[in-house]
Amino acid sequence: MLNKQPSNPSMTTPETILVEDSADSVACDGGNGPLGHPIVYYSFDGKSVVECGYCDRVFVKAKTV
């Protein structure tokens, strides 16, 4: 397995966003207003984690106890 290393050492770890366990999908616009990216939608399709292809944000379903 290859480790994803940032090409720029000043880059930070991608943001992790917790969503409700019942969520079927999420939308991402990269945040930062006009400095973000086009809005994209991702379906969990039975997974508990999805990653944005533009900004690498990670959306994780939060398990409620």
N, C-alpha and C. Protein backbone atom coordinates (compact mmCIF):
# COMPACT_ATOMS: atom_id res chain seq x y z
N MET A 1 0.84 -1.17 0.00
CA MET A 1 0.00 0.00 0.00
C MET A 1 0.89 1.25 0.00
N LEU A 2 0.58 2.19 -0.85
CA LEU A 2 1.34 3.42 -0.92
C LEU A 2 0.82 4.43 0.08
N ASN A 3 1.73 5.10 0.75
CA ASN A 3 1.33 6.18 1.65
C ASN A 3 1.20 7.45 0.85
N LYS A 4 0.14 8.19 1.08
CA LYS A 4 -0.09 9.45 0.38
C LYS A 4 0.70 10.54 1.08
N GLN A 5 1.76 11.00 0.48
CA GLN A 5 2.59 12.04 1.06
C GLN A 5 2.31 13.35 0.36
N PRO A 6 2.09 14.42 1.10
CA PRO A 6 1.86 15.71 0.46
C PRO A 6 3.11 16.18 -0.27
N SER A 7 2.93 16.76 -1.44
CA SER A 7 4.07 17.26 -2.21
C SER A 7 4.61 18.54 -1.59
N ASN A 8 3.81 19.20 -0.80
CA ASN A 8 4.22 20.43 -0.14
C ASN A 8 4.18 20.19 1.37
N PRO A 9 5.32 20.19 2.05
CA PRO A 9 5.33 19.90 3.48
C PRO A 9 4.48 20.83 4.32
N SER A 10 4.14 22.02 3.81
CA SER A 10 3.31 22.94 4.59
C SER A 10 1.84 22.58 4.54
N MET A 11 1.48 21.61 3.70
CA MET A 11 0.07 21.19 3.61
C MET A 11 -0.32 20.50 4.91
N THR A 12 -1.58 20.66 5.30
CA THR A 12 -2.06 20.06 6.54
C THR A 12 -2.84 18.79 6.24
N THR A 13 -3.14 18.07 7.30
CA THR A 13 -3.95 16.86 7.19
C THR A 13 -5.35 17.26 6.75
N PRO A 14 -5.96 16.49 5.83
CA PRO A 14 -7.32 16.82 5.39
C PRO A 14 -8.30 16.85 6.56
N GLU A 15 -9.28 17.71 6.44
CA GLU A 15 -10.30 17.87 7.48
C GLU A 15 -11.18 16.62 7.54
N THR A 16 -11.49 16.18 8.76
CA THR A 16 -12.41 15.07 8.97
C THR A 16 -13.72 15.64 9.50
N ILE A 17 -14.82 15.27 8.85
CA ILE A 17 -16.14 15.78 9.21
C ILE A 17 -17.02 14.62 9.63
N LEU A 18 -17.57 14.69 10.84
CA LEU A 18 -18.50 13.67 11.31
C LEU A 18 -19.90 14.00 10.83
N VAL A 19 -20.59 12.98 10.32
CA VAL A 19 -21.98 13.13 9.89
C VAL A 19 -22.83 12.11 10.63
N GLU A 20 -24.13 12.33 10.65
CA GLU A 20 -25.03 11.40 11.33
C GLU A 20 -24.92 10.01 10.73
N ASP A 21 -25.04 9.01 11.58
CA ASP A 21 -24.95 7.62 11.14
C ASP A 21 -26.04 7.27 10.13
N SER A 22 -27.15 7.99 10.15
CA SER A 22 -28.26 7.71 9.25
C SER A 22 -28.10 8.36 7.87
N ALA A 23 -27.04 9.16 7.68
CA ALA A 23 -26.85 9.87 6.41
C ALA A 23 -26.59 8.89 5.27
N ASP A 24 -27.23 9.13 4.13
CA ASP A 24 -27.00 8.32 2.94
C ASP A 24 -25.96 8.95 2.02
N SER A 25 -25.85 10.29 2.10
CA SER A 25 -24.93 11.00 1.22
C SER A 25 -24.47 12.30 1.88
N VAL A 26 -23.44 12.90 1.30
CA VAL A 26 -22.93 14.19 1.77
C VAL A 26 -22.63 15.07 0.56
N ALA A 27 -22.56 16.37 0.80
CA ALA A 27 -22.19 17.33 -0.23
C ALA A 27 -20.94 18.06 0.25
N CYS A 28 -20.03 18.36 -0.67
CA CYS A 28 -18.81 19.08 -0.32
C CYS A 28 -18.57 20.18 -1.34
N ASP A 29 -18.21 21.38 -0.83
CA ASP A 29 -17.85 22.48 -1.72
C ASP A 29 -16.45 23.01 -1.40
N GLY A 30 -15.74 22.27 -0.57
CA GLY A 30 -14.38 22.64 -0.22
C GLY A 30 -14.28 23.71 0.84
N GLY A 31 -15.40 24.30 1.23
CA GLY A 31 -15.36 25.38 2.20
C GLY A 31 -14.65 26.60 1.62
N ASN A 32 -14.28 27.51 2.43
CA ASN A 32 -13.52 28.69 2.02
C ASN A 32 -14.23 29.55 0.98
N GLY A 33 -15.55 29.49 0.87
CA GLY A 33 -16.30 30.34 -0.06
C GLY A 33 -15.80 30.23 -1.49
N PRO A 34 -15.44 31.37 -2.11
CA PRO A 34 -15.00 31.33 -3.51
C PRO A 34 -13.68 30.60 -3.73
N LEU A 35 -12.97 30.30 -2.65
CA LEU A 35 -11.72 29.56 -2.79
C LEU A 35 -11.91 28.05 -2.69
N GLY A 36 -13.16 27.62 -2.58
CA GLY A 36 -13.46 26.20 -2.49
C GLY A 36 -13.42 25.54 -3.86
N HIS A 37 -14.32 24.61 -4.10
CA HIS A 37 -14.43 23.92 -5.39
C HIS A 37 -15.90 23.73 -5.73
N PRO A 38 -16.20 23.29 -6.95
CA PRO A 38 -17.62 23.06 -7.30
C PRO A 38 -18.25 22.08 -6.32
N ILE A 39 -19.52 22.25 -6.02
CA ILE A 39 -20.20 21.35 -5.10
C ILE A 39 -20.31 19.96 -5.74
N VAL A 40 -19.95 18.96 -4.95
CA VAL A 40 -20.03 17.57 -5.40
C VAL A 40 -20.76 16.78 -4.32
N TYR A 41 -21.41 15.72 -4.73
CA TYR A 41 -22.19 14.88 -3.83
C TYR A 41 -21.59 13.48 -3.83
N TYR A 42 -21.52 12.89 -2.64
CA TYR A 42 -20.99 11.53 -2.49
C TYR A 42 -21.99 10.68 -1.74
N SER A 43 -22.19 9.46 -2.20
CA SER A 43 -23.07 8.50 -1.53
C SER A 43 -22.21 7.54 -0.71
N PHE A 44 -22.69 7.19 0.48
CA PHE A 44 -21.94 6.26 1.31
C PHE A 44 -22.01 4.83 0.76
N ASP A 45 -23.07 4.47 0.06
CA ASP A 45 -23.22 3.14 -0.54
C ASP A 45 -22.74 2.01 0.37
N GLY A 46 -23.22 2.00 1.61
CA GLY A 46 -22.88 0.94 2.55
C GLY A 46 -21.54 1.14 3.27
N LYS A 47 -20.80 2.18 2.91
CA LYS A 47 -19.53 2.46 3.59
C LYS A 47 -19.77 3.43 4.73
N SER A 48 -18.82 3.54 5.62
CA SER A 48 -18.95 4.49 6.72
C SER A 48 -18.04 5.71 6.54
N VAL A 49 -17.21 5.70 5.48
CA VAL A 49 -16.28 6.79 5.21
C VAL A 49 -16.26 7.08 3.71
N VAL A 50 -16.31 8.37 3.34
CA VAL A 50 -16.10 8.78 1.95
C VAL A 50 -15.12 9.95 1.95
N GLU A 51 -14.36 10.07 0.86
CA GLU A 51 -13.36 11.13 0.74
C GLU A 51 -13.65 11.97 -0.49
N CYS A 52 -13.56 13.29 -0.35
CA CYS A 52 -13.80 14.20 -1.46
C CYS A 52 -12.63 14.11 -2.44
N GLY A 53 -12.95 13.96 -3.70
CA GLY A 53 -11.93 13.87 -4.74
C GLY A 53 -11.25 15.19 -5.05
N TYR A 54 -11.84 16.30 -4.63
CA TYR A 54 -11.25 17.62 -4.86
C TYR A 54 -10.32 18.04 -3.72
N CYS A 55 -10.85 18.05 -2.51
CA CYS A 55 -10.10 18.64 -1.38
C CYS A 55 -9.63 17.62 -0.35
N ASP A 56 -9.93 16.35 -0.56
CA ASP A 56 -9.52 15.27 0.33
C ASP A 56 -10.18 15.29 1.71
N ARG A 57 -11.22 16.13 1.88
CA ARG A 57 -11.96 16.07 3.15
C ARG A 57 -12.49 14.66 3.31
N VAL A 58 -12.52 14.20 4.56
CA VAL A 58 -13.01 12.85 4.87
C VAL A 58 -14.31 13.00 5.67
N PHE A 59 -15.35 12.36 5.17
CA PHE A 59 -16.65 12.36 5.84
C PHE A 59 -16.84 11.00 6.49
N VAL A 60 -17.08 11.01 7.81
CA VAL A 60 -17.17 9.78 8.58
C VAL A 60 -18.52 9.73 9.27
N LYS A 61 -19.21 8.59 9.14
CA LYS A 61 -20.47 8.42 9.86
C LYS A 61 -20.17 8.25 11.34
N ALA A 62 -20.84 9.04 12.17
CA ALA A 62 -20.65 8.99 13.61
C ALA A 62 -21.58 7.92 14.19
N LYS A 63 -21.04 6.99 14.88
CA LYS A 63 -21.85 5.95 15.53
C LYS A 63 -22.47 6.54 16.78
N THR A 64 -23.79 6.46 16.87
CA THR A 64 -24.49 6.94 18.06
C THR A 64 -24.76 5.76 18.97
N VAL A 65 -24.51 5.94 20.25
CA VAL A 65 -24.70 4.86 21.22
C VAL A 65 -25.94 5.09 22.00
